[in-house]
Amino acid sequence: MELKLNKPICFFDLETTGIDIGKDRIVEISVFKVFPNGNKESKTWLVNPTIPIPPQSSAIHGISNEKVANEPTFKELAAQVYNMIKDSDLAGFNSDRFDIPLLAEELLRAGVDFDMKNRVSVDVQTIFHKMEERTLSAALKFYCGKGLENAHSAEADTMATYEILMAQLDRYPELENDMKSLSEFTTRKKIADFAGMIAFDADNEEIFTFGKHKGAKVGTVLEKEPGYYSWIQNADFPLYTKKVLTAIKLRKLNTK
């Protein structure tokens, strides 16, 4: 089976210094790009994270501080990575909750104005969890009948994710071979930012999901308490959350 694509889709995976989206850094990124005409290309980069890789993280993915000491930083690679994904939808395994948010932070930190406008994301893990409730290795065994060699290598995990989605489409006729439909199927909840700090209510208006204004409309809070915006911008929040908040503020100002 071939994927039915209206635009390219990039399957990707990150190996990182840890799991804190706002603070941790990429040490390896692999991108596998599939084009509507069936052509494919892939690229894997080792990345110097500019911060120490904790031993517990190295124990998982096998990438040590010494291994990446002479590799380029993400800031040096950002343009290459962005050029590969800029025209594409995105797919990964647990990508909606981890890989895409962390990649967005790295790109914004590098000065690349990344967002998800005009693209969708497909989280293959969500399809798997909704259908079978397993892990990546078990998913590859279940759907493709083979073991995952070199697990926690970004390239191996990326290719496994692509193969699993292809097998899922073969196995489940109720899944539509369309990236928008798959994106809707794999979206757990409708959020405005990757971290889930700003969501949408029943009226499709942004609301805060945390703190003293939890459940309140963002626009109303910014109007009544302008200092709350400044506090978030100066506090330790994800850069993408700050970007979304700024966009909401500017939109409100332009509608007055």
Protein backbone atom coordinates (compact mmCIF):
# COMPACT_ATOMS: atom_id res chain seq x y z
CA MET A 1 0.00 0.00 0.00
CA GLU A 2 1.14 3.54 -0.76
CA LEU A 3 0.15 6.50 1.39
CA LYS A 4 -2.39 8.80 -0.25
CA LEU A 5 -0.76 12.19 0.02
CA ASN A 6 -1.68 15.68 -1.11
CA LYS A 7 1.67 16.97 0.14
CA PRO A 8 4.86 15.36 1.47
CA ILE A 9 4.86 13.84 4.95
CA CYS A 10 7.94 13.64 7.19
CA PHE A 11 8.23 10.79 9.65
CA PHE A 12 10.75 11.78 12.29
CA ASP A 13 12.18 10.79 15.65
CA LEU A 14 14.33 12.54 18.22
CA GLU A 15 16.85 11.27 20.73
CA THR A 16 17.33 13.82 23.47
CA THR A 17 19.05 14.73 26.71
CA GLY A 18 15.79 14.09 28.59
CA ILE A 19 12.03 14.50 28.49
CA ASP A 20 11.55 18.11 29.62
CA ILE A 21 10.20 19.83 26.49
CA GLY A 22 11.22 23.29 27.64
CA LYS A 23 14.74 22.49 28.85
CA ASP A 24 16.08 19.36 27.17
CA ARG A 25 17.88 19.28 23.84
CA ILE A 26 18.11 17.09 20.75
CA VAL A 27 21.16 14.82 20.38
CA GLU A 28 19.96 13.01 17.24
CA ILE A 29 17.21 13.63 14.71
CA SER A 30 16.17 11.44 11.81
CA VAL A 31 13.70 12.49 9.11
CA PHE A 32 12.16 10.17 6.50
CA LYS A 33 10.28 12.15 3.88
CA VAL A 34 7.65 10.56 1.62
CA PHE A 35 6.42 12.49 -1.42
CA PRO A 36 2.99 12.22 -3.11
CA ASN A 37 4.62 10.65 -6.18
CA GLY A 38 6.08 7.87 -4.03
CA ASN A 39 9.65 9.20 -3.91
CA LYS A 40 11.40 9.03 -0.55
CA GLU A 41 14.41 10.63 1.07
CA SER A 42 15.94 10.39 4.53
CA LYS A 43 18.48 12.24 6.61
CA THR A 44 19.89 11.67 10.08
CA TRP A 45 21.91 14.20 12.08
CA LEU A 46 23.86 13.80 15.31
CA VAL A 47 23.61 17.02 17.31
CA ASN A 48 25.78 18.63 19.95
CA PRO A 49 23.14 19.63 22.53
CA THR A 50 25.46 22.20 24.18
CA ILE A 51 24.44 20.79 27.57
CA PRO A 52 25.60 17.56 29.25
CA ILE A 53 23.79 14.34 28.32
CA PRO A 54 22.78 12.62 31.56
CA PRO A 55 24.11 9.05 31.94
CA GLN A 56 20.55 7.71 32.23
CA SER A 57 19.72 9.18 28.81
CA SER A 58 22.91 7.84 27.24
CA ALA A 59 22.03 4.41 28.64
CA ILE A 60 18.79 4.50 26.61
CA HIS A 61 19.96 5.80 23.23
CA GLY A 62 23.69 5.08 23.39
CA ILE A 63 24.75 8.63 22.54
CA SER A 64 27.42 10.02 24.86
CA ASN A 65 28.84 13.49 25.35
CA GLU A 66 32.03 12.35 23.60
CA LYS A 67 30.13 11.07 20.58
CA VAL A 68 28.54 14.46 19.85
CA ALA A 69 31.34 16.74 21.08
CA ASN A 70 32.41 17.62 17.52
CA GLU A 71 28.96 17.51 15.92
CA PRO A 72 27.09 20.69 14.88
CA THR A 73 24.68 22.32 17.29
CA PHE A 74 20.98 22.37 16.49
CA LYS A 75 21.22 26.08 15.76
CA GLU A 76 23.75 25.25 13.03
CA LEU A 77 21.48 22.51 11.64
CA ALA A 78 18.14 24.30 12.05
CA ALA A 79 17.94 25.64 8.49
CA GLN A 80 18.63 22.17 7.00
CA VAL A 81 16.05 20.50 9.22
CA TYR A 82 13.43 23.16 8.54
CA ASN A 83 14.01 23.07 4.79
CA MET A 84 13.31 19.35 4.83
CA ILE A 85 10.03 19.61 6.78
CA LYS A 86 8.68 23.06 5.85
CA ASP A 87 6.36 21.85 3.07
CA SER A 88 5.27 18.67 4.86
CA ASP A 89 2.83 17.14 7.27
CA LEU A 90 4.52 15.44 10.23
CA ALA A 91 4.29 11.94 11.67
CA GLY A 92 5.97 10.09 14.51
CA PHE A 93 5.53 7.78 17.46
CA ASN A 94 4.33 9.80 20.48
CA SER A 95 5.16 12.82 18.33
CA ASP A 96 2.17 14.99 19.28
CA ARG A 97 3.09 14.94 22.95
CA PHE A 98 6.88 14.91 22.75
CA ASP A 99 8.78 15.07 19.45
CA ILE A 100 6.86 17.92 17.77
CA PRO A 101 6.76 20.13 20.90
CA LEU A 102 10.48 19.63 21.55
CA LEU A 103 11.39 20.18 17.89
CA ALA A 104 9.33 23.38 17.92
CA GLU A 105 11.24 24.63 20.97
CA GLU A 106 14.59 23.91 19.32
CA LEU A 107 13.58 25.63 16.06
CA LEU A 108 12.22 28.70 17.85
CA ARG A 109 15.35 28.82 20.00
CA ALA A 110 17.38 28.81 16.78
CA GLY A 111 15.35 31.70 15.37
CA VAL A 112 13.19 29.64 12.98
CA ASP A 113 9.54 30.72 13.14
CA PHE A 114 8.02 27.23 13.17
CA ASP A 115 4.31 26.53 13.59
CA MET A 116 1.73 23.92 12.58
CA LYS A 117 -0.34 26.18 10.31
CA ASN A 118 -1.17 24.58 6.97
CA ARG A 119 0.05 21.16 8.11
CA VAL A 120 -1.31 18.24 10.12
CA SER A 121 0.35 15.69 12.36
CA VAL A 122 -0.23 11.95 12.59
CA ASP A 123 0.77 10.23 15.83
CA VAL A 124 1.23 6.55 15.00
CA GLN A 125 1.42 5.68 18.71
CA THR A 126 -2.13 6.93 19.21
CA ILE A 127 -3.43 4.69 16.44
CA PHE A 128 -1.60 1.80 18.07
CA HIS A 129 -2.86 2.62 21.56
CA LYS A 130 -6.43 3.04 20.39
CA MET A 131 -6.29 -0.28 18.56
CA GLU A 132 -3.89 -2.47 20.53
CA GLU A 133 -2.38 -0.69 23.60
CA ARG A 134 1.33 -1.59 23.14
CA THR A 135 4.82 -0.05 22.71
CA LEU A 136 6.93 0.72 19.61
CA SER A 137 8.83 -2.58 19.69
CA ALA A 138 5.63 -4.54 20.30
CA ALA A 139 3.90 -2.55 17.57
CA LEU A 140 6.56 -3.51 15.02
CA LYS A 141 6.32 -7.14 16.11
CA PHE A 142 2.51 -7.09 16.07
CA TYR A 143 2.00 -5.29 12.77
CA CYS A 144 5.10 -6.23 10.80
CA GLY A 145 6.14 -9.53 12.38
CA LYS A 146 9.71 -8.53 13.15
CA GLY A 147 11.84 -7.32 16.02
CA LEU A 148 13.14 -3.77 16.39
CA GLU A 149 16.92 -3.79 16.08
CA ASN A 150 18.84 -0.78 17.35
CA ALA A 151 15.84 0.47 19.36
CA HIS A 152 16.28 4.06 20.57
CA SER A 153 18.35 4.89 17.52
CA ALA A 154 16.51 7.80 15.90
CA GLU A 155 16.87 6.28 12.41
CA ALA A 156 15.66 2.80 13.45
CA ASP A 157 12.70 4.23 15.37
CA THR A 158 11.79 6.52 12.46
CA MET A 159 11.77 3.70 9.91
CA ALA A 160 9.83 1.45 12.31
CA THR A 161 7.19 4.15 12.74
CA TYR A 162 6.76 4.48 8.96
CA GLU A 163 6.45 0.71 8.53
CA ILE A 164 3.92 0.47 11.37
CA LEU A 165 1.65 3.14 9.84
CA MET A 166 1.70 1.35 6.49
CA ALA A 167 0.76 -1.93 8.24
CA GLN A 168 -1.95 -0.20 10.30
CA LEU A 169 -3.59 1.09 7.13
CA ASP A 170 -3.54 -2.44 5.72
CA ARG A 171 -4.96 -3.96 8.91
CA TYR A 172 -7.71 -1.47 9.74
CA PRO A 173 -10.02 -0.71 6.79
CA GLU A 174 -11.84 1.83 8.98
CA LEU A 175 -8.71 4.01 8.96
CA GLU A 176 -8.86 6.42 6.04
CA ASN A 177 -5.65 6.71 4.02
CA ASP A 178 -5.71 10.49 4.28
CA MET A 179 -3.40 12.58 6.45
CA LYS A 180 -6.12 14.97 7.66
CA SER A 181 -8.33 12.07 8.77
CA LEU A 182 -5.42 10.29 10.43
CA SER A 183 -4.46 13.52 12.17
CA GLU A 184 -8.00 13.90 13.55
CA PHE A 185 -7.97 10.26 14.65
CA THR A 186 -4.68 10.66 16.50
CA THR A 187 -5.45 14.01 18.13
CA ARG A 188 -6.15 13.39 21.82
CA LYS A 189 -7.56 16.83 22.58
CA LYS A 190 -7.79 20.13 20.79
CA ILE A 191 -5.04 22.40 22.03
CA ALA A 192 -3.60 25.68 20.78
CA ASP A 193 -0.02 25.08 21.92
CA PHE A 194 2.02 21.89 22.04
CA ALA A 195 2.35 21.86 25.83
CA GLY A 196 -1.43 21.84 26.32
CA MET A 197 -1.43 24.97 28.45
CA ILE A 198 -3.86 26.68 26.08
CA ALA A 199 -6.80 24.63 24.80
CA PHE A 200 -10.06 25.29 22.98
CA ASP A 201 -13.47 25.29 24.68
CA ALA A 202 -16.84 24.27 23.22
CA ASP A 203 -17.05 27.65 21.47
CA ASN A 204 -13.64 27.05 19.86
CA GLU A 205 -12.11 29.87 21.90
CA GLU A 206 -8.75 29.58 23.64
CA ILE A 207 -8.78 28.90 27.39
CA PHE A 208 -6.04 28.44 29.98
CA THR A 209 -5.66 24.89 31.31
CA PHE A 210 -3.47 25.71 34.31
CA GLY A 211 -3.04 28.06 37.25
CA LYS A 212 -5.41 30.55 38.77
CA HIS A 213 -7.14 31.21 35.42
CA LYS A 214 -7.68 27.55 34.56
CA GLY A 215 -10.79 27.29 32.37
CA ALA A 216 -10.94 31.03 31.71
CA LYS A 217 -10.90 32.48 28.19
CA VAL A 218 -7.41 33.70 27.33
CA GLY A 219 -8.66 36.86 25.61
CA THR A 220 -10.73 37.85 28.65
CA VAL A 221 -7.81 37.28 31.04
CA LEU A 222 -5.42 39.32 28.89
CA GLU A 223 -7.94 42.16 28.78
CA LYS A 224 -8.64 42.22 32.51
CA GLU A 225 -5.15 41.36 33.74
CA PRO A 226 -2.49 42.55 31.24
CA GLY A 227 0.28 41.69 33.68
CA TYR A 228 -0.52 38.00 33.35
CA TYR A 229 0.80 38.07 29.78
CA SER A 230 4.05 39.71 30.91
CA TRP A 231 4.42 37.19 33.72
CA ILE A 232 4.15 34.24 31.32
CA GLN A 233 6.53 35.82 28.79
CA ASN A 234 9.18 36.32 31.48
CA ALA A 235 8.64 32.99 33.24
CA ASP A 236 9.91 29.50 32.38
CA PHE A 237 7.20 28.53 29.88
CA PRO A 238 7.75 26.80 26.51
CA LEU A 239 8.61 29.23 23.71
CA TYR A 240 5.78 27.94 21.54
CA THR A 241 3.25 28.62 24.31
CA LYS A 242 4.55 32.19 24.52
CA LYS A 243 4.30 32.51 20.72
CA VAL A 244 0.66 31.33 20.74
CA LEU A 245 -0.18 33.69 23.60
CA THR A 246 1.35 36.61 21.70
CA ALA A 247 -0.67 35.73 18.59
CA ILE A 248 -3.89 35.72 20.65
CA LYS A 249 -3.01 39.07 22.20
CA LEU A 250 -2.29 40.64 18.80
CA ARG A 251 -5.48 39.21 17.35
CA LYS A 252 -7.51 40.71 20.17
CA LEU A 253 -5.87 44.08 19.71
CA ASN A 254 -6.63 44.04 15.98
CA THR A 255 -10.31 43.26 16.56
CA LYS A 256 -10.87 46.24 18.84
